[in-house]
């Protein structure tokens, strides 16, 4: 899933969701957040460089659905 904000040109966040199944059949979801942030945006939006770490922390606290919702809200937030 790729998230973009039309007001921030070149700014993209990609949520990568992998499913790991071990030999015993145990299923573990693995989620990560990858970012593509142009330098002018990175200088203006300091939170953007910390988003992958922030997302992983949210996963442990809020769960998958609420964490993805929080990322979407932060990217689509209007001024």
N, C-alpha and C. Protein backbone atom coordinates (compact mmCIF):
# COMPACT_ATOMS: atom_id res chain seq x y z
N UNK A 1 0.86 -1.15 0.00
CA UNK A 1 0.00 0.00 0.00
C UNK A 1 0.91 1.22 0.00
N UNK A 2 0.68 2.15 -0.91
CA UNK A 2 1.46 3.38 -1.00
C UNK A 2 0.56 4.55 -0.61
N UNK A 3 1.03 5.38 0.30
CA UNK A 3 0.30 6.56 0.75
C UNK A 3 1.00 7.80 0.24
N UNK A 4 0.22 8.69 -0.37
CA UNK A 4 0.78 9.95 -0.89
C UNK A 4 -0.11 11.10 -0.45
N UNK A 5 0.48 12.25 -0.29
CA UNK A 5 -0.25 13.48 -0.03
C UNK A 5 0.02 14.39 -1.21
N UNK A 6 -1.03 14.82 -1.92
CA UNK A 6 -0.83 15.62 -3.12
C UNK A 6 -0.22 16.98 -2.84
N UNK A 7 -0.30 17.44 -1.59
CA UNK A 7 0.29 18.72 -1.23
C UNK A 7 1.81 18.61 -1.04
N UNK A 8 2.32 17.41 -0.80
CA UNK A 8 3.75 17.20 -0.59
C UNK A 8 4.29 16.39 -1.76
N UNK A 9 4.74 17.05 -2.78
CA UNK A 9 5.20 16.39 -3.99
C UNK A 9 6.41 15.49 -3.71
N UNK A 10 6.34 14.26 -4.17
CA UNK A 10 7.46 13.33 -4.01
C UNK A 10 7.49 12.59 -2.69
N UNK A 11 6.57 12.89 -1.78
CA UNK A 11 6.53 12.27 -0.46
C UNK A 11 5.66 11.01 -0.55
N UNK A 12 6.25 9.86 -0.25
CA UNK A 12 5.50 8.60 -0.28
C UNK A 12 5.84 7.75 0.93
N UNK A 13 4.83 7.08 1.43
CA UNK A 13 5.02 6.09 2.48
C UNK A 13 4.45 4.78 1.96
N UNK A 14 5.21 3.71 2.12
CA UNK A 14 4.75 2.41 1.66
C UNK A 14 4.69 1.47 2.86
N UNK A 15 3.51 0.88 3.05
CA UNK A 15 3.35 -0.12 4.10
C UNK A 15 3.53 -1.48 3.44
N UNK A 16 4.52 -2.21 3.91
CA UNK A 16 4.84 -3.53 3.39
C UNK A 16 4.34 -4.55 4.40
N UNK A 17 3.50 -5.45 3.94
CA UNK A 17 2.91 -6.45 4.81
C UNK A 17 3.29 -7.82 4.28
N UNK A 18 4.09 -8.54 5.05
CA UNK A 18 4.51 -9.89 4.68
C UNK A 18 3.93 -10.87 5.70
N UNK A 19 3.69 -12.06 5.24
CA UNK A 19 3.21 -13.12 6.13
C UNK A 19 4.31 -14.18 6.20
N UNK A 20 4.79 -14.44 7.40
CA UNK A 20 5.83 -15.46 7.60
C UNK A 20 5.17 -16.70 8.20
N UNK A 21 5.36 -17.83 7.52
CA UNK A 21 4.84 -19.10 8.02
C UNK A 21 6.03 -20.02 8.26
N UNK A 22 6.19 -20.48 9.52
CA UNK A 22 7.33 -21.36 9.81
C UNK A 22 6.97 -22.82 9.52
N UNK A 23 7.90 -23.70 9.75
CA UNK A 23 7.72 -25.13 9.43
C UNK A 23 6.60 -25.78 10.24
N UNK A 24 6.32 -25.23 11.41
CA UNK A 24 5.26 -25.78 12.26
C UNK A 24 3.89 -25.21 11.92
N UNK A 25 3.83 -24.29 10.97
CA UNK A 25 2.55 -23.70 10.56
C UNK A 25 2.19 -22.44 11.33
N UNK A 26 3.08 -21.95 12.16
CA UNK A 26 2.82 -20.72 12.90
C UNK A 26 2.90 -19.53 11.94
N UNK A 27 1.87 -18.71 11.93
CA UNK A 27 1.78 -17.57 11.03
C UNK A 27 2.07 -16.29 11.80
N UNK A 28 3.01 -15.50 11.28
CA UNK A 28 3.38 -14.24 11.92
C UNK A 28 3.34 -13.13 10.86
N UNK A 29 2.48 -12.10 11.06
CA UNK A 29 2.49 -10.98 10.13
C UNK A 29 3.69 -10.08 10.41
N UNK A 30 4.33 -9.62 9.35
CA UNK A 30 5.47 -8.72 9.47
C UNK A 30 5.13 -7.45 8.70
N UNK A 31 5.03 -6.34 9.40
CA UNK A 31 4.71 -5.07 8.77
C UNK A 31 5.88 -4.12 8.91
N UNK A 32 6.08 -3.31 7.89
CA UNK A 32 7.12 -2.29 7.94
C UNK A 32 6.67 -1.09 7.14
N UNK A 33 7.23 0.04 7.45
CA UNK A 33 6.91 1.28 6.76
C UNK A 33 8.18 1.79 6.08
N UNK A 34 8.11 1.96 4.77
CA UNK A 34 9.23 2.48 4.01
C UNK A 34 8.85 3.88 3.53
N UNK A 35 9.82 4.79 3.53
CA UNK A 35 9.50 6.16 3.15
C UNK A 35 10.37 6.64 1.99
N UNK A 36 9.78 7.50 1.19
CA UNK A 36 10.49 8.19 0.12
C UNK A 36 10.20 9.67 0.36
N UNK A 37 11.22 10.38 0.82
CA UNK A 37 11.02 11.76 1.26
C UNK A 37 12.03 12.68 0.58
N UNK A 38 11.57 13.63 -0.23
CA UNK A 38 12.50 14.59 -0.84
C UNK A 38 13.15 15.47 0.24
N UNK A 39 14.37 15.93 0.00
CA UNK A 39 15.11 16.72 0.98
C UNK A 39 14.35 17.97 1.45
N UNK A 40 13.72 18.76 0.57
CA UNK A 40 12.99 19.94 1.07
C UNK A 40 11.89 19.57 2.05
N UNK A 41 11.20 18.46 1.79
CA UNK A 41 10.14 18.01 2.70
C UNK A 41 10.75 17.53 4.00
N UNK A 42 11.86 16.80 3.90
CA UNK A 42 12.52 16.26 5.08
C UNK A 42 12.97 17.39 6.01
N UNK A 43 13.47 18.48 5.44
CA UNK A 43 13.90 19.62 6.26
C UNK A 43 12.72 20.31 6.91
N UNK A 44 11.58 20.36 6.20
CA UNK A 44 10.39 21.05 6.70
C UNK A 44 9.60 20.17 7.68
N UNK A 45 9.60 18.88 7.46
CA UNK A 45 8.80 17.95 8.26
C UNK A 45 9.70 16.97 8.99
N UNK A 46 10.19 17.34 10.15
CA UNK A 46 11.14 16.50 10.89
C UNK A 46 10.54 15.17 11.31
N UNK A 47 9.22 15.11 11.50
CA UNK A 47 8.58 13.87 11.91
C UNK A 47 8.71 12.78 10.84
N UNK A 48 8.85 13.17 9.59
CA UNK A 48 8.82 12.22 8.48
C UNK A 48 9.96 11.20 8.56
N UNK A 49 11.13 11.63 8.98
CA UNK A 49 12.26 10.69 9.03
C UNK A 49 12.09 9.67 10.15
N UNK A 50 11.29 9.97 11.15
CA UNK A 50 11.07 9.05 12.27
C UNK A 50 9.84 8.16 12.09
N UNK A 51 9.11 8.32 10.99
CA UNK A 51 7.86 7.58 10.82
C UNK A 51 8.02 6.07 10.84
N UNK A 52 9.05 5.47 10.21
CA UNK A 52 9.16 4.00 10.30
C UNK A 52 9.29 3.50 11.74
N UNK A 53 10.10 4.18 12.54
CA UNK A 53 10.25 3.80 13.95
C UNK A 53 8.94 4.03 14.71
N UNK A 54 8.30 5.14 14.45
CA UNK A 54 7.03 5.49 15.08
C UNK A 54 5.97 4.44 14.74
N UNK A 55 5.93 4.00 13.48
CA UNK A 55 4.97 2.99 13.04
C UNK A 55 5.19 1.67 13.77
N UNK A 56 6.44 1.22 13.87
CA UNK A 56 6.72 -0.04 14.56
C UNK A 56 6.31 0.04 16.04
N UNK A 57 6.51 1.19 16.66
CA UNK A 57 6.09 1.37 18.05
C UNK A 57 4.57 1.31 18.18
N UNK A 58 3.88 1.95 17.22
CA UNK A 58 2.42 1.93 17.25
C UNK A 58 1.87 0.52 17.08
N UNK A 59 2.52 -0.28 16.26
CA UNK A 59 2.04 -1.66 16.05
C UNK A 59 1.95 -2.42 17.37
N UNK A 60 2.92 -2.22 18.24
CA UNK A 60 2.92 -2.92 19.53
C UNK A 60 1.86 -2.38 20.47
N UNK A 61 1.54 -1.09 20.34
CA UNK A 61 0.59 -0.47 21.26
C UNK A 61 -0.85 -0.56 20.76
N UNK A 62 -1.05 -0.22 19.49
CA UNK A 62 -2.41 -0.10 18.95
C UNK A 62 -2.89 -1.28 18.12
N UNK A 63 -1.96 -2.04 17.57
CA UNK A 63 -2.34 -3.10 16.66
C UNK A 63 -2.24 -2.63 15.21
N UNK A 64 -2.49 -3.56 14.30
CA UNK A 64 -2.28 -3.30 12.88
C UNK A 64 -3.23 -2.24 12.33
N UNK A 65 -4.53 -2.44 12.49
CA UNK A 65 -5.52 -1.55 11.88
C UNK A 65 -5.39 -0.11 12.38
N UNK A 66 -5.28 0.08 13.68
CA UNK A 66 -5.18 1.42 14.25
C UNK A 66 -3.87 2.10 13.86
N UNK A 67 -2.79 1.33 13.73
CA UNK A 67 -1.50 1.90 13.34
C UNK A 67 -1.55 2.41 11.90
N UNK A 68 -2.13 1.61 11.01
CA UNK A 68 -2.27 2.04 9.61
C UNK A 68 -3.16 3.27 9.53
N UNK A 69 -4.24 3.29 10.30
CA UNK A 69 -5.13 4.45 10.32
C UNK A 69 -4.41 5.70 10.81
N UNK A 70 -3.56 5.57 11.82
CA UNK A 70 -2.80 6.71 12.34
C UNK A 70 -1.83 7.25 11.30
N UNK A 71 -1.20 6.36 10.53
CA UNK A 71 -0.28 6.79 9.48
C UNK A 71 -1.04 7.53 8.39
N UNK A 72 -2.19 7.00 7.99
CA UNK A 72 -3.00 7.65 6.96
C UNK A 72 -3.44 9.03 7.42
N UNK A 73 -3.88 9.15 8.65
CA UNK A 73 -4.30 10.45 9.17
C UNK A 73 -3.15 11.44 9.22
N UNK A 74 -1.96 10.98 9.56
CA UNK A 74 -0.83 11.90 9.66
C UNK A 74 -0.38 12.38 8.28
N UNK A 75 -0.50 11.52 7.27
CA UNK A 75 -0.11 11.91 5.90
C UNK A 75 -1.16 12.80 5.26
N UNK A 76 -2.42 12.57 5.57
CA UNK A 76 -3.51 13.30 4.92
C UNK A 76 -3.98 14.50 5.73
N UNK A 77 -3.31 14.78 6.81
CA UNK A 77 -3.71 15.89 7.67
C UNK A 77 -3.60 17.21 6.91
N UNK A 78 -4.66 18.00 6.97
CA UNK A 78 -4.62 19.31 6.31
C UNK A 78 -4.16 20.37 7.28
N UNK A 79 -3.70 21.47 6.75
CA UNK A 79 -3.16 22.57 7.58
C UNK A 79 -4.25 23.24 8.37
